[in-house]
N, C-alpha and C. Protein backbone atom coordinates (compact mmCIF):
# COMPACT_ATOMS: atom_id res chain seq x y z
N MET A 1 -26.64 6.21 -26.51
CA MET A 1 -26.22 5.20 -25.36
C MET A 1 -25.66 4.04 -25.86
N ARG A 2 -25.46 4.00 -27.34
CA ARG A 2 -24.35 3.46 -28.04
C ARG A 2 -23.23 3.70 -27.89
N ARG A 3 -22.95 4.98 -28.04
CA ARG A 3 -21.78 5.63 -28.58
C ARG A 3 -20.92 5.58 -27.04
N GLU A 4 -21.47 5.79 -25.75
CA GLU A 4 -20.81 5.29 -24.80
C GLU A 4 -20.59 3.79 -24.16
N ARG A 5 -21.64 2.91 -25.20
CA ARG A 5 -21.11 1.84 -25.09
C ARG A 5 -19.86 0.94 -25.79
N VAL A 6 -19.96 2.02 -26.87
CA VAL A 6 -18.49 1.67 -27.77
C VAL A 6 -17.40 2.49 -26.85
N ALA A 7 -17.46 3.27 -26.79
CA ALA A 7 -16.34 3.51 -25.70
C ALA A 7 -15.79 2.98 -24.74
N MET A 8 -17.08 2.49 -23.67
CA MET A 8 -16.55 1.67 -22.50
C MET A 8 -15.88 0.67 -23.54
N ALA A 9 -16.32 -0.23 -24.18
CA ALA A 9 -15.73 -1.37 -24.77
C ALA A 9 -14.27 -0.72 -25.09
N LYS A 10 -13.74 0.02 -25.83
CA LYS A 10 -13.01 0.79 -26.24
C LYS A 10 -11.75 0.39 -25.09
N ASN A 11 -12.10 1.61 -24.10
CA ASN A 11 -11.93 1.55 -22.80
C ASN A 11 -11.48 0.11 -22.33
N ASN A 12 -12.40 -0.67 -22.31
CA ASN A 12 -12.09 -1.77 -21.60
C ASN A 12 -10.85 -2.92 -22.19
N THR A 13 -11.07 -2.80 -23.52
CA THR A 13 -9.96 -3.29 -24.35
C THR A 13 -8.62 -2.81 -24.15
N GLU A 14 -8.37 -1.53 -23.86
CA GLU A 14 -7.02 -0.84 -23.80
C GLU A 14 -6.73 -1.47 -21.92
N LEU A 15 -7.71 -1.35 -21.61
CA LEU A 15 -7.15 -1.59 -20.04
C LEU A 15 -6.86 -3.11 -20.08
N VAL A 16 -7.45 -3.89 -20.73
CA VAL A 16 -7.29 -5.47 -20.56
C VAL A 16 -5.60 -5.80 -21.53
N ASP A 17 -5.37 -4.97 -22.53
CA ASP A 17 -4.28 -5.38 -23.10
C ASP A 17 -2.90 -4.51 -22.10
N ASP A 18 -3.43 -3.14 -21.54
CA ASP A 18 -2.61 -2.91 -20.22
C ASP A 18 -2.08 -4.20 -19.36
N ILE A 19 -2.94 -4.37 -18.60
CA ILE A 19 -3.02 -5.19 -17.39
C ILE A 19 -2.26 -6.63 -18.19
N LEU A 20 -2.37 -6.99 -19.32
CA LEU A 20 -1.68 -8.53 -19.77
C LEU A 20 -0.09 -8.36 -20.33
N SER A 21 -0.12 -6.49 -20.82
CA SER A 21 1.10 -6.19 -20.88
C SER A 21 2.23 -5.99 -19.81
N ARG A 22 1.70 -5.89 -18.64
CA ARG A 22 2.66 -6.18 -17.49
C ARG A 22 2.90 -7.58 -17.02
N CYS A 23 2.03 -8.43 -17.77
CA CYS A 23 2.47 -10.13 -16.99
C CYS A 23 3.26 -10.64 -17.97
N VAL A 24 3.70 -11.83 -17.45
CA VAL A 24 4.84 -12.53 -18.47
C VAL A 24 3.78 -13.13 -19.15
N PRO A 25 3.47 -13.52 -20.35
CA PRO A 25 3.04 -13.95 -21.08
C PRO A 25 3.02 -15.45 -21.06
N ASN A 26 2.01 -16.30 -21.31
CA ASN A 26 1.73 -17.71 -20.89
C ASN A 26 1.44 -17.75 -22.40
N ARG A 27 1.94 -18.59 -23.19
CA ARG A 27 1.39 -19.13 -24.99
C ARG A 27 0.46 -19.66 -24.83
N ILE A 28 0.08 -21.03 -23.81
CA ILE A 28 -0.93 -21.31 -23.53
C ILE A 28 -2.37 -20.71 -22.69
N VAL A 29 -1.93 -20.24 -21.62
CA VAL A 29 -3.20 -19.57 -20.71
C VAL A 29 -2.97 -18.29 -21.43
N THR A 30 -3.00 -17.35 -21.71
CA THR A 30 -2.82 -15.66 -21.93
C THR A 30 -3.96 -15.57 -22.75
N PRO A 31 -3.76 -16.73 -24.34
CA PRO A 31 -4.78 -16.20 -25.03
C PRO A 31 -6.20 -16.96 -24.48
N PHE A 32 -6.33 -17.95 -24.01
CA PHE A 32 -7.76 -18.55 -23.34
C PHE A 32 -8.37 -17.42 -22.60
N VAL A 33 -7.30 -16.95 -21.52
CA VAL A 33 -7.96 -15.71 -20.33
C VAL A 33 -8.15 -14.36 -21.19
N LYS A 34 -7.60 -14.37 -22.24
CA LYS A 34 -8.49 -13.13 -22.88
C LYS A 34 -9.36 -13.40 -23.68
N GLN A 35 -9.81 -14.61 -24.32
CA GLN A 35 -10.98 -15.28 -24.37
C GLN A 35 -12.03 -14.93 -23.58
N TYR A 36 -11.45 -15.56 -22.67
CA TYR A 36 -13.25 -15.63 -22.04
C TYR A 36 -12.87 -14.81 -20.29
N GLY A 37 -12.09 -14.26 -20.08
CA GLY A 37 -11.67 -13.69 -19.21
C GLY A 37 -12.72 -12.29 -18.83
N ARG A 38 -12.51 -11.64 -17.77
CA ARG A 38 -13.45 -10.45 -17.65
C ARG A 38 -12.88 -9.26 -16.46
N LEU A 39 -13.05 -7.94 -16.67
CA LEU A 39 -12.47 -7.43 -15.51
C LEU A 39 -13.31 -7.82 -14.28
N PHE A 40 -12.29 -7.31 -13.31
CA PHE A 40 -13.34 -7.69 -11.82
C PHE A 40 -12.88 -6.17 -10.96
N GLN A 41 -13.65 -5.41 -10.23
CA GLN A 41 -13.82 -4.47 -9.46
C GLN A 41 -12.74 -4.74 -8.25
N PRO A 42 -11.59 -4.16 -8.48
CA PRO A 42 -11.05 -4.39 -6.84
C PRO A 42 -11.49 -3.68 -5.81
N GLN A 43 -11.15 -4.13 -4.26
CA GLN A 43 -11.65 -3.24 -3.22
C GLN A 43 -11.07 -4.24 -1.86
N ARG A 44 -11.37 -3.25 -0.73
CA ARG A 44 -10.38 -3.97 0.13
C ARG A 44 -11.12 -5.38 1.02
N LEU A 45 -10.50 -6.01 1.25
CA LEU A 45 -10.97 -7.20 1.80
C LEU A 45 -12.14 -6.75 3.01
N PRO A 46 -13.15 -6.98 3.05
CA PRO A 46 -13.88 -6.67 4.02
C PRO A 46 -13.21 -6.96 5.52
N PRO A 47 -13.69 -6.58 6.61
CA PRO A 47 -12.67 -6.97 7.98
C PRO A 47 -13.15 -8.13 8.58
N ASN A 48 -14.53 -8.83 8.24
CA ASN A 48 -14.86 -10.33 8.28
C ASN A 48 -14.36 -11.42 7.76
N TYR A 49 -13.38 -11.39 6.91
CA TYR A 49 -12.60 -12.26 6.34
C TYR A 49 -11.42 -11.95 6.17
N ARG A 50 -10.93 -13.11 6.86
CA ARG A 50 -8.66 -12.96 7.24
C ARG A 50 -8.36 -13.22 5.67
N ARG A 51 -7.03 -12.94 6.49
CA ARG A 51 -6.13 -12.86 4.89
C ARG A 51 -5.43 -14.75 4.92
N GLY A 52 -5.39 -15.40 3.89
CA GLY A 52 -4.88 -16.40 3.35
C GLY A 52 -3.28 -16.44 3.79
N ALA A 53 -2.84 -17.18 3.46
CA ALA A 53 -1.04 -17.33 3.56
C ALA A 53 -0.61 -16.75 2.41
N TRP A 54 0.58 -16.17 2.09
CA TRP A 54 1.19 -15.50 1.02
C TRP A 54 1.69 -16.17 0.19
N LYS A 55 1.66 -16.17 -0.96
CA LYS A 55 1.82 -16.91 -1.95
C LYS A 55 1.20 -18.15 -2.17
N ALA A 56 -0.16 -18.06 -1.74
CA ALA A 56 -1.02 -18.99 -1.97
C ALA A 56 -2.14 -19.32 -2.36
N CYS A 57 -2.50 -17.84 -3.44
CA CYS A 57 -3.58 -17.61 -3.57
C CYS A 57 -4.21 -18.64 -4.19
N PHE A 58 -4.00 -19.42 -4.73
CA PHE A 58 -4.98 -20.62 -5.63
C PHE A 58 -5.59 -21.32 -4.18
N ALA A 59 -4.83 -22.07 -3.29
CA ALA A 59 -5.24 -22.59 -2.01
C ALA A 59 -6.31 -21.66 -1.12
N ASN A 60 -5.50 -20.43 -0.93
CA ASN A 60 -6.52 -19.59 -0.16
C ASN A 60 -7.89 -19.01 -0.93
N SER A 61 -7.66 -18.64 -2.40
CA SER A 61 -9.18 -18.76 -3.05
C SER A 61 -10.21 -20.19 -3.34
N TYR A 62 -9.30 -20.70 -3.38
CA TYR A 62 -10.03 -22.22 -3.26
C TYR A 62 -11.34 -22.53 -1.80
N ARG A 63 -10.10 -22.20 -0.89
CA ARG A 63 -10.91 -22.37 0.35
C ARG A 63 -11.78 -21.43 0.46
N MET A 64 -11.82 -20.21 0.36
CA MET A 64 -12.93 -18.93 0.68
C MET A 64 -14.13 -19.02 -0.08
N ALA A 65 -13.97 -19.95 -1.33
CA ALA A 65 -15.06 -19.95 -2.63
C ALA A 65 -15.69 -20.86 -1.56
N LEU A 66 -15.29 -22.34 -0.96
CA LEU A 66 -15.76 -23.41 -0.36
C LEU A 66 -16.76 -22.94 0.24
N ARG A 67 -16.01 -22.22 1.60
CA ARG A 67 -16.30 -22.17 2.78
C ARG A 67 -17.12 -21.11 2.61
N HIS A 68 -17.31 -19.84 2.04
CA HIS A 68 -18.36 -18.23 2.15
C HIS A 68 -18.96 -18.84 0.57
N GLY A 69 -19.22 -19.58 -0.45
CA GLY A 69 -19.87 -19.28 -1.48
C GLY A 69 -19.45 -18.20 -2.15
N PHE A 70 -18.53 -17.85 -2.61
CA PHE A 70 -18.18 -17.08 -3.48
C PHE A 70 -17.65 -16.94 -4.94
N VAL A 71 -17.27 -16.86 -5.84
CA VAL A 71 -16.56 -17.62 -7.15
C VAL A 71 -15.38 -17.44 -7.13
N TYR A 72 -14.68 -18.44 -7.18
CA TYR A 72 -13.27 -18.67 -7.50
C TYR A 72 -13.26 -18.03 -8.94
N VAL A 73 -11.74 -17.17 -8.86
CA VAL A 73 -11.45 -16.54 -10.25
C VAL A 73 -10.04 -16.66 -10.58
N GLU A 74 -9.42 -17.18 -11.67
CA GLU A 74 -8.12 -17.08 -12.25
C GLU A 74 -8.08 -16.01 -13.33
N GLY A 75 -6.59 -15.59 -13.35
CA GLY A 75 -6.40 -14.62 -14.55
C GLY A 75 -5.32 -14.09 -14.16
N TYR A 76 -5.10 -12.69 -14.38
CA TYR A 76 -4.29 -11.85 -13.88
C TYR A 76 -4.21 -10.81 -13.58
N ALA A 77 -3.36 -10.21 -12.57
CA ALA A 77 -4.13 -8.95 -11.47
C ALA A 77 -2.47 -8.27 -11.30
N ILE A 78 -2.80 -7.10 -11.53
CA ILE A 78 -1.67 -6.02 -10.93
C ILE A 78 -1.48 -5.93 -9.63
N SER A 79 -0.49 -6.06 -9.51
CA SER A 79 0.04 -5.40 -7.86
C SER A 79 0.00 -4.01 -7.34
N SER A 80 -0.54 -3.77 -6.56
CA SER A 80 -0.26 -2.34 -6.28
C SER A 80 1.03 -1.88 -5.74
N ASP A 81 1.39 -3.00 -4.99
CA ASP A 81 2.94 -2.80 -4.50
C ASP A 81 4.06 -2.13 -5.39
N THR A 82 4.10 -3.20 -6.65
CA THR A 82 4.95 -3.06 -7.98
C THR A 82 4.76 -2.55 -8.95
N GLY A 83 3.35 -2.42 -9.33
CA GLY A 83 2.68 -2.29 -10.81
C GLY A 83 2.80 -3.25 -11.80
N THR A 84 3.23 -4.39 -11.54
CA THR A 84 3.68 -5.54 -12.35
C THR A 84 2.42 -6.51 -11.97
N GLY A 85 2.23 -7.43 -12.74
CA GLY A 85 1.13 -8.26 -13.29
C GLY A 85 1.15 -9.83 -13.07
N CYS A 86 0.92 -10.68 -12.65
CA CYS A 86 1.52 -12.30 -12.40
C CYS A 86 -0.12 -12.89 -12.81
N LEU A 87 0.13 -14.00 -13.01
CA LEU A 87 -1.07 -14.99 -13.18
C LEU A 87 -1.22 -15.57 -11.33
N HIS A 88 -3.03 -15.06 -11.21
CA HIS A 88 -3.07 -15.01 -9.85
C HIS A 88 -4.84 -15.45 -9.55
N SER A 89 -4.79 -15.50 -8.53
CA SER A 89 -6.46 -16.09 -8.19
C SER A 89 -6.75 -15.76 -7.06
N TRP A 90 -8.12 -15.13 -6.74
CA TRP A 90 -9.03 -14.30 -5.88
C TRP A 90 -10.10 -14.75 -5.76
N CYS A 91 -11.13 -14.18 -5.39
CA CYS A 91 -12.62 -14.40 -5.37
C CYS A 91 -13.45 -12.88 -5.60
N VAL A 92 -14.87 -13.47 -5.79
CA VAL A 92 -15.82 -12.12 -6.24
C VAL A 92 -16.84 -12.79 -5.84
N ASP A 93 -17.86 -11.28 -5.42
CA ASP A 93 -19.10 -11.79 -5.06
C ASP A 93 -19.99 -11.71 -6.18
N ARG A 94 -21.40 -11.98 -5.98
CA ARG A 94 -21.81 -12.04 -7.12
C ARG A 94 -22.13 -10.83 -7.97
N GLN A 95 -21.74 -9.82 -7.24
CA GLN A 95 -21.71 -8.39 -8.22
C GLN A 95 -20.18 -8.31 -9.00
N GLY A 96 -19.54 -9.11 -8.96
CA GLY A 96 -18.00 -9.13 -9.33
C GLY A 96 -17.06 -8.84 -8.47
N MET A 97 -17.28 -8.17 -7.46
CA MET A 97 -16.01 -7.32 -6.80
C MET A 97 -15.46 -8.32 -5.94
N VAL A 98 -14.08 -8.07 -6.13
CA VAL A 98 -12.89 -8.49 -5.75
C VAL A 98 -12.68 -9.08 -4.41
N LEU A 99 -12.59 -10.16 -3.98
CA LEU A 99 -11.99 -10.48 -2.42
C LEU A 99 -10.61 -11.38 -2.48
N GLU A 100 -9.72 -9.84 -2.39
CA GLU A 100 -8.10 -10.39 -2.47
C GLU A 100 -7.86 -10.74 -0.99
N ARG A 101 -7.54 -12.21 -0.95
CA ARG A 101 -6.82 -12.76 0.49
C ARG A 101 -5.39 -12.98 0.29
N THR A 102 -4.99 -12.56 -0.55
CA THR A 102 -3.27 -13.52 -0.63
C THR A 102 -2.65 -11.99 -0.39
N TRP A 103 -2.55 -10.96 -1.26
CA TRP A 103 -1.97 -9.96 -1.10
C TRP A 103 -2.25 -9.06 0.03
N GLY A 104 -1.12 -7.89 0.55
CA GLY A 104 -2.03 -7.18 1.75
C GLY A 104 -2.58 -6.06 1.29
N HIS A 105 -2.55 -5.51 0.33
CA HIS A 105 -3.41 -4.46 -0.38
C HIS A 105 -4.30 -5.37 -1.39
N PRO A 106 -5.36 -4.54 -1.94
CA PRO A 106 -6.15 -5.19 -3.36
C PRO A 106 -5.23 -4.60 -4.00
N GLY A 107 -5.42 -5.18 -5.54
CA GLY A 107 -4.65 -4.84 -6.53
C GLY A 107 -5.18 -3.95 -7.06
N ASN A 108 -4.59 -3.35 -8.34
CA ASN A 108 -4.81 -2.05 -8.88
C ASN A 108 -6.03 -2.50 -10.33
N ALA A 109 -5.65 -3.69 -10.92
CA ALA A 109 -6.73 -4.13 -11.96
C ALA A 109 -6.39 -5.86 -11.78
N TYR A 110 -7.60 -6.44 -12.23
CA TYR A 110 -7.94 -7.80 -12.17
C TYR A 110 -8.79 -8.00 -13.37
N PHE A 111 -8.20 -9.13 -14.14
CA PHE A 111 -8.78 -9.67 -15.58
C PHE A 111 -9.01 -11.27 -15.21
N GLY A 112 -9.70 -11.94 -15.37
CA GLY A 112 -9.68 -13.27 -15.17
C GLY A 112 -11.07 -13.96 -15.66
N ILE A 113 -11.11 -15.31 -15.01
CA ILE A 113 -12.30 -16.00 -15.58
C ILE A 113 -12.79 -16.79 -14.63
N PRO A 114 -14.13 -16.50 -14.45
CA PRO A 114 -14.58 -17.25 -12.91
C PRO A 114 -15.65 -18.46 -13.34
N PHE A 115 -15.57 -19.50 -12.05
CA PHE A 115 -15.30 -20.92 -12.28
C PHE A 115 -16.25 -21.09 -11.59
N GLN A 116 -17.48 -21.88 -12.15
CA GLN A 116 -18.57 -22.80 -11.26
C GLN A 116 -18.06 -23.54 -10.61
N THR A 117 -18.31 -23.16 -8.92
CA THR A 117 -18.20 -24.06 -7.77
C THR A 117 -17.70 -25.43 -8.34
N GLN A 118 -18.91 -26.06 -8.78
CA GLN A 118 -18.90 -27.53 -8.49
C GLN A 118 -18.12 -28.01 -9.86
N PHE A 119 -17.18 -27.23 -11.07
CA PHE A 119 -16.08 -27.56 -11.42
C PHE A 119 -14.70 -27.24 -10.67
N LEU A 120 -14.80 -26.67 -9.80
CA LEU A 120 -13.79 -26.28 -8.92
C LEU A 120 -13.56 -27.85 -8.24
N ARG A 121 -14.41 -27.66 -7.35
CA ARG A 121 -14.83 -28.57 -6.36
C ARG A 121 -14.29 -30.18 -7.15
N ARG A 122 -14.55 -30.40 -8.03
CA ARG A 122 -14.45 -32.00 -8.89
C ARG A 122 -12.92 -32.20 -9.19
N THR A 123 -12.81 -30.41 -9.79
CA THR A 123 -11.57 -30.67 -10.27
C THR A 123 -10.00 -31.22 -9.21
N ILE A 124 -10.29 -30.18 -8.09
CA ILE A 124 -9.47 -30.43 -7.08
C ILE A 124 -9.38 -31.56 -6.38
N ASP A 125 -10.88 -32.34 -6.00
CA ASP A 125 -11.20 -33.41 -5.03
C ASP A 125 -10.28 -34.63 -6.31
N ALA A 126 -10.37 -34.39 -7.52
CA ALA A 126 -10.14 -35.62 -8.39
C ALA A 126 -8.31 -35.67 -8.36
N ARG A 127 -7.59 -34.54 -8.31
CA ARG A 127 -6.50 -34.57 -7.89
C ARG A 127 -5.55 -35.02 -6.21
N ARG A 128 -6.72 -34.30 -5.45
CA ARG A 128 -6.21 -35.12 -4.22
C ARG A 128 -6.52 -36.22 -4.39
N ARG A 129 -7.39 -37.17 -4.58
CA ARG A 129 -7.36 -38.32 -4.67
C ARG A 129 -6.19 -38.75 -5.64
N SER A 130 -5.39 -38.18 -6.64
CA SER A 130 -4.64 -38.92 -7.14
C SER A 130 -3.26 -38.42 -6.55
N LEU A 131 -3.35 -37.07 -6.28
CA LEU A 131 -1.78 -36.80 -5.73
C LEU A 131 -2.02 -36.63 -3.80
N GLY A 132 -2.92 -36.63 -3.36
CA GLY A 132 -2.52 -36.56 -1.99
C GLY A 132 -1.95 -35.46 -0.96
N ASP A 133 -1.10 -35.34 -0.66
CA ASP A 133 -0.97 -34.15 0.20
C ASP A 133 -0.21 -33.55 -0.97
N LYS A 134 0.50 -34.22 -1.96
CA LYS A 134 0.95 -32.76 -3.07
C LYS A 134 0.12 -32.24 -4.22
N VAL A 135 -1.30 -32.15 -3.55
CA VAL A 135 -2.42 -31.52 -4.19
C VAL A 135 -2.00 -29.75 -4.50
N TYR A 136 -2.24 -29.32 -5.96
CA TYR A 136 -2.14 -28.10 -6.20
C TYR A 136 -3.52 -27.24 -6.70
N PHE A 137 -3.50 -26.64 -6.34
CA PHE A 137 -4.66 -25.47 -6.65
C PHE A 137 -5.24 -25.23 -7.81
N GLY A 138 -4.43 -24.96 -8.85
CA GLY A 138 -4.93 -23.81 -9.96
C GLY A 138 -5.34 -24.58 -11.13
N LEU A 139 -5.86 -23.63 -11.93
CA LEU A 139 -6.99 -24.59 -12.54
C LEU A 139 -6.29 -24.36 -14.05
N LEU A 140 -5.82 -22.99 -14.49
CA LEU A 140 -5.13 -22.86 -15.95
C LEU A 140 -4.33 -23.35 -16.37
N ASP A 141 -2.74 -22.87 -15.28
CA ASP A 141 -1.69 -23.22 -15.89
C ASP A 141 -1.25 -24.92 -15.04
N ASP A 142 -2.34 -25.50 -15.56
CA ASP A 142 -1.93 -27.28 -15.01
C ASP A 142 -1.27 -27.63 -16.08
N TYR A 143 -0.02 -27.16 -16.53
CA TYR A 143 0.98 -27.85 -17.06
C TYR A 143 1.36 -29.53 -16.70
N GLU A 144 1.24 -29.65 -15.35
CA GLU A 144 1.54 -31.09 -14.80
C GLU A 144 0.61 -31.93 -15.65
N ALA A 145 -0.87 -31.90 -15.63
CA ALA A 145 -1.79 -32.46 -16.09
C ALA A 145 -1.79 -32.15 -17.79
N ARG A 146 -1.20 -31.01 -18.25
CA ARG A 146 -0.98 -30.58 -19.74
C ARG A 146 -1.93 -29.94 -19.92
N TRP A 147 -2.36 -29.17 -19.74
CA TRP A 147 -3.56 -28.52 -19.71
C TRP A 147 -5.02 -28.71 -19.85
N PRO A 148 -5.59 -29.78 -19.03
CA PRO A 148 -7.27 -30.33 -19.30
C PRO A 148 -8.25 -29.15 -19.81
N LEU A 149 -8.19 -28.34 -18.82
CA LEU A 149 -9.57 -27.15 -19.09
C LEU A 149 -8.94 -26.66 -20.10
N ILE A 150 -7.68 -26.31 -20.85
CA ILE A 150 -7.44 -25.08 -22.06
C ILE A 150 -7.46 -26.08 -23.33
N LYS A 151 -7.17 -27.25 -23.17
CA LYS A 151 -6.85 -28.18 -24.22
C LYS A 151 -8.51 -29.21 -24.55
N HIS A 152 -8.63 -29.47 -23.61
CA HIS A 152 -10.16 -30.66 -23.82
C HIS A 152 -11.38 -29.69 -23.56
N LEU A 153 -11.30 -29.30 -22.15
CA LEU A 153 -12.97 -28.61 -22.31
C LEU A 153 -12.73 -26.92 -22.67
N GLY A 154 -12.27 -26.26 -23.40
CA GLY A 154 -12.07 -24.72 -23.34
C GLY A 154 -13.12 -24.54 -24.44
N ASP A 155 -13.23 -25.43 -25.54
CA ASP A 155 -14.77 -25.15 -26.40
C ASP A 155 -15.81 -25.46 -25.71
N SER A 156 -16.04 -25.61 -24.15
CA SER A 156 -16.94 -26.33 -23.53
C SER A 156 -17.12 -25.01 -22.32
N PRO A 157 -17.24 -24.04 -22.55
CA PRO A 157 -17.67 -23.41 -21.33
C PRO A 157 -19.26 -23.45 -20.55
N GLU A 158 -19.59 -24.16 -21.01
CA GLU A 158 -20.70 -24.31 -20.11
C GLU A 158 -20.91 -25.49 -18.84
N LEU A 159 -19.57 -25.90 -19.50
CA LEU A 159 -19.22 -26.43 -18.05
C LEU A 159 -17.98 -26.42 -16.77
N TRP A 160 -17.71 -25.29 -17.17
CA TRP A 160 -17.14 -24.34 -15.83
C TRP A 160 -16.91 -23.22 -16.12
N LEU A 161 -17.74 -22.16 -16.69
CA LEU A 161 -17.47 -21.08 -16.85
C LEU A 161 -18.68 -20.30 -15.81
N GLU A 162 -18.53 -19.45 -14.63
CA GLU A 162 -19.52 -19.24 -13.91
C GLU A 162 -20.20 -17.61 -14.78
N THR A 163 -21.24 -17.46 -15.01
CA THR A 163 -21.96 -15.93 -15.22
C THR A 163 -22.19 -15.28 -14.13
N LEU A 164 -21.88 -14.35 -14.05
CA LEU A 164 -21.89 -13.34 -13.16
C LEU A 164 -22.77 -11.91 -13.51
N THR A 165 -23.21 -11.03 -12.98
CA THR A 165 -23.55 -9.97 -13.63
C THR A 165 -22.53 -8.59 -13.42
N ARG A 166 -22.79 -8.31 -14.52
CA ARG A 166 -21.64 -6.87 -14.89
C ARG A 166 -21.94 -5.78 -14.15
N PRO A 167 -21.18 -5.63 -13.53
CA PRO A 167 -21.20 -4.44 -12.60
C PRO A 167 -20.84 -3.13 -13.09
N LYS A 168 -20.78 -1.68 -12.78
CA LYS A 168 -20.44 -1.14 -13.69
C LYS A 168 -18.94 -0.82 -12.96
N LEU A 169 -17.96 -0.54 -13.94
CA LEU A 169 -16.89 -0.43 -13.42
C LEU A 169 -16.08 0.63 -13.43
N ARG A 170 -15.49 0.97 -12.37
CA ARG A 170 -14.70 2.22 -12.36
C ARG A 170 -13.07 2.04 -12.82
N LEU A 171 -12.78 2.70 -14.19
CA LEU A 171 -11.67 2.31 -15.11
C LEU A 171 -10.54 3.47 -14.43
N VAL A 172 -9.62 2.44 -13.89
CA VAL A 172 -8.73 3.46 -13.52
C VAL A 172 -7.22 2.37 -13.70
N ARG A 173 -6.29 3.27 -14.16
CA ARG A 173 -5.31 3.09 -15.07
C ARG A 173 -4.52 2.45 -13.93
N PRO A 174 -3.60 1.06 -14.19
CA PRO A 174 -2.71 0.65 -13.33
C PRO A 174 -1.86 1.55 -13.28
N ARG A 175 -1.47 1.84 -11.95
CA ARG A 175 -0.03 2.76 -11.44
C ARG A 175 1.14 2.02 -11.80
N THR A 176 2.23 2.60 -12.63
CA THR A 176 3.84 2.31 -13.08
C THR A 176 4.22 2.45 -11.52
N HIS A 177 5.63 1.88 -11.55
CA HIS A 177 5.88 2.00 -10.04
C HIS A 177 7.46 2.49 -11.07
């Protein structure tokens, strides 16, 4: 049993490294995601949920999390269309299954940080009060406010990190195009 866990950990580390190697690195965000992130299982969006606006992943995921009680996640995902990765947001159910509202198809791989809903809501509400219609929804790459989550709250994950059960992941190497 221990050998299987060690092999799985090695495979997970290799998969995470593969995901991150396909993304444009961010010297502030990427190490933080690598420290607190986890892998999530892709799946098709269930038919009872609608797609959100294209290129609005942070707003789409924020709305889905609040409306339906899912967990909001930010991190890196690999597009099934291009095989490349980007900073992205999605929701997950309590078992860690991805609910991808923005892309036309689920991505090949997802690695990110699940956030507590109350932290998400407080952060966006505070932005909405100060920015009005110019509110933005991302938590990690908040360069406009000089990365407050990472620089000021990063050492206190109990304030923002959502804990989830860990499902058995099917390891699938992201396709290259």
